[in-house]
Amino acid sequence: MRTDVLLKIAGVGLMVSVICQALTRAGREDIATLAGVAGMLVVLLTVISLAGELFSQVQYVFQLP
């Protein structure tokens, strides 16, 4: 299992939550929301790339064209 990806996702989540809390306490809720959305996009792109690798490996194992 690739633990580096899990640690990267956890790190992004931790960083985004700290940034969102700091921005919310500073009264910048709109920027905090944008930071949360940006963090979700980073994680989503990571998961999509992993899904692409998974599909190519399944295609290789079953020798699909």
PDB file of N, CA and C in Angstrom:
ATOM      1  N   MET A   1       0.843  -1.186   0.000  1.00  0.00           N
ATOM      2  CA  MET A   1       0.000   0.000   0.000  1.00  0.00           C
ATOM      3  C   MET A   1       0.883   1.243   0.000  1.00  0.00           C
ATOM      4  N   ARG A   2       0.457   2.240  -0.723  1.00  0.00           N
ATOM      5  CA  ARG A   2       1.242   3.465  -0.840  1.00  0.00           C
ATOM      6  C   ARG A   2       0.859   4.430   0.276  1.00  0.00           C
ATOM      7  N   THR A   3       1.644   4.410   1.324  1.00  0.00           N
ATOM      8  CA  THR A   3       1.342   5.275   2.468  1.00  0.00           C
ATOM      9  C   THR A   3       1.732   6.721   2.202  1.00  0.00           C
ATOM     10  N   ASP A   4       2.616   6.947   1.233  1.00  0.00           N
ATOM     11  CA  ASP A   4       3.007   8.327   0.948  1.00  0.00           C
ATOM     12  C   ASP A   4       1.829   9.149   0.438  1.00  0.00           C
ATOM     13  N   VAL A   5       0.951   8.521  -0.314  1.00  0.00           N
ATOM     14  CA  VAL A   5      -0.222   9.236  -0.832  1.00  0.00           C
ATOM     15  C   VAL A   5      -1.185   9.560   0.312  1.00  0.00           C
ATOM     16  N   LEU A   6      -1.363   8.601   1.210  1.00  0.00           N
ATOM     17  CA  LEU A   6      -2.241   8.852   2.360  1.00  0.00           C
ATOM     18  C   LEU A   6      -1.694   9.970   3.232  1.00  0.00           C
ATOM     19  N   LEU A   7      -0.386   9.978   3.436  1.00  0.00           N
ATOM     20  CA  LEU A   7       0.216  11.048   4.236  1.00  0.00           C
ATOM     21  C   LEU A   7       0.118  12.396   3.534  1.00  0.00           C
ATOM     22  N   LYS A   8       0.234  12.396   2.213  1.00  0.00           N
ATOM     23  CA  LYS A   8       0.102  13.643   1.463  1.00  0.00           C
ATOM     24  C   LYS A   8      -1.315  14.200   1.578  1.00  0.00           C
ATOM     25  N   ILE A   9      -2.311  13.325   1.465  1.00  0.00           N
ATOM     26  CA  ILE A   9      -3.705  13.762   1.578  1.00  0.00           C
ATOM     27  C   ILE A   9      -3.993  14.263   2.990  1.00  0.00           C
ATOM     28  N   ALA A  10      -3.474  13.557   3.994  1.00  0.00           N
ATOM     29  CA  ALA A  10      -3.668  13.995   5.374  1.00  0.00           C
ATOM     30  C   ALA A  10      -2.975  15.327   5.624  1.00  0.00           C
ATOM     31  N   GLY A  11      -1.800  15.503   5.058  1.00  0.00           N
ATOM     32  CA  GLY A  11      -1.076  16.769   5.215  1.00  0.00           C
ATOM     33  C   GLY A  11      -1.810  17.939   4.585  1.00  0.00           C
ATOM     34  N   VAL A  12      -2.363  17.707   3.408  1.00  0.00           N
ATOM     35  CA  VAL A  12      -3.139  18.762   2.745  1.00  0.00           C
ATOM     36  C   VAL A  12      -4.367  19.099   3.574  1.00  0.00           C
ATOM     37  N   GLY A  13      -5.029  18.084   4.098  1.00  0.00           N
ATOM     38  CA  GLY A  13      -6.213  18.333   4.929  1.00  0.00           C
ATOM     39  C   GLY A  13      -5.883  19.103   6.187  1.00  0.00           C
ATOM     40  N   LEU A  14      -4.784  18.743   6.831  1.00  0.00           N
ATOM     41  CA  LEU A  14      -4.367  19.449   8.044  1.00  0.00           C
ATOM     42  C   LEU A  14      -3.999  20.898   7.739  1.00  0.00           C
ATOM     43  N   MET A  15      -3.251  21.092   6.669  1.00  0.00           N
ATOM     44  CA  MET A  15      -2.838  22.442   6.300  1.00  0.00           C
ATOM     45  C   MET A  15      -4.043  23.315   5.941  1.00  0.00           C
ATOM     46  N   VAL A  16      -4.976  22.754   5.194  1.00  0.00           N
ATOM     47  CA  VAL A  16      -6.159  23.516   4.792  1.00  0.00           C
ATOM     48  C   VAL A  16      -7.016  23.856   6.004  1.00  0.00           C
ATOM     49  N   SER A  17      -7.149  22.919   6.937  1.00  0.00           N
ATOM     50  CA  SER A  17      -7.964  23.208   8.119  1.00  0.00           C
ATOM     51  C   SER A  17      -7.345  24.305   8.978  1.00  0.00           C
ATOM     52  N   VAL A  18      -6.023  24.315   9.104  1.00  0.00           N
ATOM     53  CA  VAL A  18      -5.362  25.382   9.870  1.00  0.00           C
ATOM     54  C   VAL A  18      -5.538  26.719   9.166  1.00  0.00           C
ATOM     55  N   ILE A  19      -5.366  26.730   7.855  1.00  0.00           N
ATOM     56  CA  ILE A  19      -5.528  27.973   7.096  1.00  0.00           C
ATOM     57  C   ILE A  19      -6.961  28.476   7.195  1.00  0.00           C
ATOM     58  N   CYS A  20      -7.924  27.577   7.085  1.00  0.00           N
ATOM     59  CA  CYS A  20      -9.332  27.980   7.171  1.00  0.00           C
ATOM     60  C   CYS A  20      -9.669  28.535   8.554  1.00  0.00           C
ATOM     61  N   GLN A  21      -9.172  27.900   9.600  1.00  0.00           N
ATOM     62  CA  GLN A  21      -9.421  28.402  10.953  1.00  0.00           C
ATOM     63  C   GLN A  21      -8.818  29.787  11.147  1.00  0.00           C
ATOM     64  N   ALA A  22      -7.585  29.968  10.671  1.00  0.00           N
ATOM     65  CA  ALA A  22      -6.927  31.272  10.819  1.00  0.00           C
ATOM     66  C   ALA A  22      -7.672  32.356  10.045  1.00  0.00           C
ATOM     67  N   LEU A  23      -8.090  32.032   8.841  1.00  0.00           N
ATOM     68  CA  LEU A  23      -8.805  33.024   8.034  1.00  0.00           C
ATOM     69  C   LEU A  23     -10.189  33.325   8.609  1.00  0.00           C
ATOM     70  N   THR A  24     -10.852  32.329   9.154  1.00  0.00           N
ATOM     71  CA  THR A  24     -12.165  32.550   9.760  1.00  0.00           C
ATOM     72  C   THR A  24     -12.051  33.449  10.981  1.00  0.00           C
ATOM     73  N   ARG A  25     -11.048  33.213  11.805  1.00  0.00           N
ATOM     74  CA  ARG A  25     -10.863  34.056  12.992  1.00  0.00           C
ATOM     75  C   ARG A  25     -10.460  35.481  12.629  1.00  0.00           C
ATOM     76  N   ALA A  26      -9.841  35.640  11.455  1.00  0.00           N
ATOM     77  CA  ALA A  26      -9.460  36.970  10.991  1.00  0.00           C
ATOM     78  C   ALA A  26     -10.618  37.685  10.296  1.00  0.00           C
ATOM     79  N   GLY A  27     -11.750  36.996  10.165  1.00  0.00           N
ATOM     80  CA  GLY A  27     -12.914  37.622   9.551  1.00  0.00           C
ATOM     81  C   GLY A  27     -12.946  37.504   8.045  1.00  0.00           C
ATOM     82  N   ARG A  28     -12.156  36.604   7.485  1.00  0.00           N
ATOM     83  CA  ARG A  28     -12.112  36.437   6.028  1.00  0.00           C
ATOM     84  C   ARG A  28     -12.727  35.102   5.635  1.00  0.00           C
ATOM     85  N   GLU A  29     -14.025  34.948   5.895  1.00  0.00           N
ATOM     86  CA  GLU A  29     -14.709  33.698   5.627  1.00  0.00           C
ATOM     87  C   GLU A  29     -14.722  33.351   4.141  1.00  0.00           C
ATOM     88  N   ASP A  30     -14.793  34.376   3.282  1.00  0.00           N
ATOM     89  CA  ASP A  30     -14.824  34.116   1.850  1.00  0.00           C
ATOM     90  C   ASP A  30     -13.515  33.507   1.358  1.00  0.00           C
ATOM     91  N   ILE A  31     -12.402  34.010   1.858  1.00  0.00           N
ATOM     92  CA  ILE A  31     -11.108  33.453   1.472  1.00  0.00           C
ATOM     93  C   ILE A  31     -10.921  32.069   2.093  1.00  0.00           C
ATOM     94  N   ALA A  32     -11.459  31.861   3.289  1.00  0.00           N
ATOM     95  CA  ALA A  32     -11.375  30.541   3.928  1.00  0.00           C
ATOM     96  C   ALA A  32     -12.125  29.499   3.105  1.00  0.00           C
ATOM     97  N   THR A  33     -13.254  29.882   2.559  1.00  0.00           N
ATOM     98  CA  THR A  33     -14.010  28.972   1.703  1.00  0.00           C
ATOM     99  C   THR A  33     -13.227  28.633   0.446  1.00  0.00           C
ATOM    100  N   LEU A  34     -12.598  29.636  -0.144  1.00  0.00           N
ATOM    101  CA  LEU A  34     -11.786  29.379  -1.337  1.00  0.00           C
ATOM    102  C   LEU A  34     -10.596  28.478  -1.020  1.00  0.00           C
ATOM    103  N   ALA A  35      -9.994  28.640   0.146  1.00  0.00           N
ATOM    104  CA  ALA A  35      -8.880  27.779   0.545  1.00  0.00           C
ATOM    105  C   ALA A  35      -9.366  26.340   0.715  1.00  0.00           C
ATOM    106  N   GLY A  36     -10.541  26.162   1.277  1.00  0.00           N
ATOM    107  CA  GLY A  36     -11.104  24.820   1.426  1.00  0.00           C
ATOM    108  C   GLY A  36     -11.382  24.168   0.082  1.00  0.00           C
ATOM    109  N   VAL A  37     -11.919  24.934  -0.844  1.00  0.00           N
ATOM    110  CA  VAL A  37     -12.199  24.402  -2.179  1.00  0.00           C
ATOM    111  C   VAL A  37     -10.894  24.053  -2.895  1.00  0.00           C
ATOM    112  N   ALA A  38      -9.882  24.894  -2.748  1.00  0.00           N
ATOM    113  CA  ALA A  38      -8.588  24.614  -3.372  1.00  0.00           C
ATOM    114  C   ALA A  38      -7.971  23.338  -2.801  1.00  0.00           C
ATOM    115  N   GLY A  39      -8.094  23.139  -1.504  1.00  0.00           N
ATOM    116  CA  GLY A  39      -7.587  21.918  -0.889  1.00  0.00           C
ATOM    117  C   GLY A  39      -8.312  20.688  -1.398  1.00  0.00           C
ATOM    118  N   MET A  40      -9.623  20.801  -1.550  1.00  0.00           N
ATOM    119  CA  MET A  40     -10.398  19.675  -2.087  1.00  0.00           C
ATOM    120  C   MET A  40      -9.989  19.362  -3.515  1.00  0.00           C
ATOM    121  N   LEU A  41      -9.704  20.382  -4.307  1.00  0.00           N
ATOM    122  CA  LEU A  41      -9.291  20.154  -5.687  1.00  0.00           C
ATOM    123  C   LEU A  41      -7.936  19.456  -5.754  1.00  0.00           C
ATOM    124  N   VAL A  42      -7.017  19.830  -4.874  1.00  0.00           N
ATOM    125  CA  VAL A  42      -5.703  19.181  -4.852  1.00  0.00           C
ATOM    126  C   VAL A  42      -5.855  17.700  -4.521  1.00  0.00           C
ATOM    127  N   VAL A  43      -6.668  17.399  -3.529  1.00  0.00           N
ATOM    128  CA  VAL A  43      -6.889  16.000  -3.152  1.00  0.00           C
ATOM    129  C   VAL A  43      -7.618  15.261  -4.269  1.00  0.00           C
ATOM    130  N   LEU A  44      -8.593  15.890  -4.886  1.00  0.00           N
ATOM    131  CA  LEU A  44      -9.337  15.262  -5.970  1.00  0.00           C
ATOM    132  C   LEU A  44      -8.423  14.934  -7.148  1.00  0.00           C
ATOM    133  N   LEU A  45      -7.525  15.841  -7.501  1.00  0.00           N
ATOM    134  CA  LEU A  45      -6.605  15.576  -8.598  1.00  0.00           C
ATOM    135  C   LEU A  45      -5.657  14.432  -8.258  1.00  0.00           C
ATOM    136  N   THR A  46      -5.252  14.342  -7.002  1.00  0.00           N
ATOM    137  CA  THR A  46      -4.397  13.228  -6.580  1.00  0.00           C
ATOM    138  C   THR A  46      -5.142  11.902  -6.709  1.00  0.00           C
ATOM    139  N   VAL A  47      -6.381  11.880  -6.269  1.00  0.00           N
ATOM    140  CA  VAL A  47      -7.176  10.647  -6.339  1.00  0.00           C
ATOM    141  C   VAL A  47      -7.464  10.271  -7.789  1.00  0.00           C
ATOM    142  N   ILE A  48      -7.706  11.238  -8.638  1.00  0.00           N
ATOM    143  CA  ILE A  48      -7.969  10.951 -10.050  1.00  0.00           C
ATOM    144  C   ILE A  48      -6.741  10.347 -10.717  1.00  0.00           C
ATOM    145  N   SER A  49      -5.555  10.866 -10.396  1.00  0.00           N
ATOM    146  CA  SER A  49      -4.349  10.288 -10.985  1.00  0.00           C
ATOM    147  C   SER A  49      -4.129   8.864 -10.496  1.00  0.00           C
ATOM    148  N   LEU A  50      -4.442   8.589  -9.235  1.00  0.00           N
ATOM    149  CA  LEU A  50      -4.329   7.228  -8.719  1.00  0.00           C
ATOM    150  C   LEU A  50      -5.334   6.298  -9.390  1.00  0.00           C
ATOM    151  N   ALA A  51      -6.527   6.800  -9.646  1.00  0.00           N
ATOM    152  CA  ALA A  51      -7.542   5.979 -10.322  1.00  0.00           C
ATOM    153  C   ALA A  51      -7.090   5.655 -11.750  1.00  0.00           C
ATOM    154  N   GLY A  52      -6.452   6.602 -12.409  1.00  0.00           N
ATOM    155  CA  GLY A  52      -5.920   6.343 -13.748  1.00  0.00           C
ATOM    156  C   GLY A  52      -4.857   5.262 -13.734  1.00  0.00           C
ATOM    157  N   GLU A  53      -3.970   5.301 -12.728  1.00  0.00           N
ATOM    158  CA  GLU A  53      -2.964   4.248 -12.593  1.00  0.00           C
ATOM    159  C   GLU A  53      -3.620   2.893 -12.333  1.00  0.00           C
ATOM    160  N   LEU A  54      -4.650   2.887 -11.509  1.00  0.00           N
ATOM    161  CA  LEU A  54      -5.358   1.640 -11.217  1.00  0.00           C
ATOM    162  C   LEU A  54      -5.970   1.044 -12.477  1.00  0.00           C
ATOM    163  N   PHE A  55      -6.631   1.876 -13.278  1.00  0.00           N
ATOM    164  CA  PHE A  55      -7.254   1.375 -14.494  1.00  0.00           C
ATOM    165  C   PHE A  55      -6.214   0.842 -15.472  1.00  0.00           C
ATOM    166  N   SER A  56      -5.069   1.501 -15.584  1.00  0.00           N
ATOM    167  CA  SER A  56      -4.042   0.998 -16.499  1.00  0.00           C
ATOM    168  C   SER A  56      -3.460  -0.312 -15.994  1.00  0.00           C
ATOM    169  N   GLN A  57      -3.335  -0.488 -14.688  1.00  0.00           N
ATOM    170  CA  GLN A  57      -2.842  -1.750 -14.152  1.00  0.00           C
ATOM    171  C   GLN A  57      -3.855  -2.877 -14.363  1.00  0.00           C
ATOM    172  N   VAL A  58      -5.132  -2.587 -14.180  1.00  0.00           N
ATOM    173  CA  VAL A  58      -6.170  -3.596 -14.437  1.00  0.00           C
ATOM    174  C   VAL A  58      -6.170  -3.973 -15.912  1.00  0.00           C
ATOM    175  N   GLN A  59      -5.999  -2.992 -16.763  1.00  0.00           N
ATOM    176  CA  GLN A  59      -5.948  -3.259 -18.201  1.00  0.00           C
ATOM    177  C   GLN A  59      -4.750  -4.128 -18.536  1.00  0.00           C
ATOM    178  N   TYR A  60      -3.618  -3.911 -17.903  1.00  0.00           N
ATOM    179  CA  TYR A  60      -2.425  -4.720 -18.142  1.00  0.00           C
ATOM    180  C   TYR A  60      -2.618  -6.148 -17.625  1.00  0.00           C
ATOM    181  N   VAL A  61      -3.200  -6.291 -16.435  1.00  0.00           N
ATOM    182  CA  VAL A  61      -3.370  -7.619 -15.842  1.00  0.00           C
ATOM    183  C   VAL A  61      -4.290  -8.485 -16.703  1.00  0.00           C
ATOM    184  N   PHE A  62      -5.382  -7.919 -17.155  1.00  0.00           N
ATOM    185  CA  PHE A  62      -6.340  -8.689 -17.946  1.00  0.00           C
ATOM    186  C   PHE A  62      -6.059  -8.613 -19.446  1.00  0.00           C
ATOM    187  N   GLN A  63      -4.965  -7.990 -19.841  1.00  0.00           N
ATOM    188  CA  GLN A  63      -4.510  -7.867 -21.232  1.00  0.00           C
ATOM    189  C   GLN A  63      -5.613  -7.352 -22.132  1.00  0.00           C
ATOM    190  N   LEU A  64      -6.223  -6.271 -21.707  1.00  0.00           N
ATOM    191  CA  LEU A  64      -7.266  -5.631 -22.498  1.00  0.00           C
ATOM    192  C   LEU A  64      -6.618  -4.663 -23.476  1.00  0.00           C
ATOM    193  N   PRO A  65      -7.231  -4.459 -24.623  1.00  0.00           N
ATOM    194  CA  PRO A  65      -6.640  -3.526 -25.613  1.00  0.00           C
ATOM    195  C   PRO A  65      -6.759  -2.086 -25.200  1.00  0.00           C
TER     196      PRO A  65
END
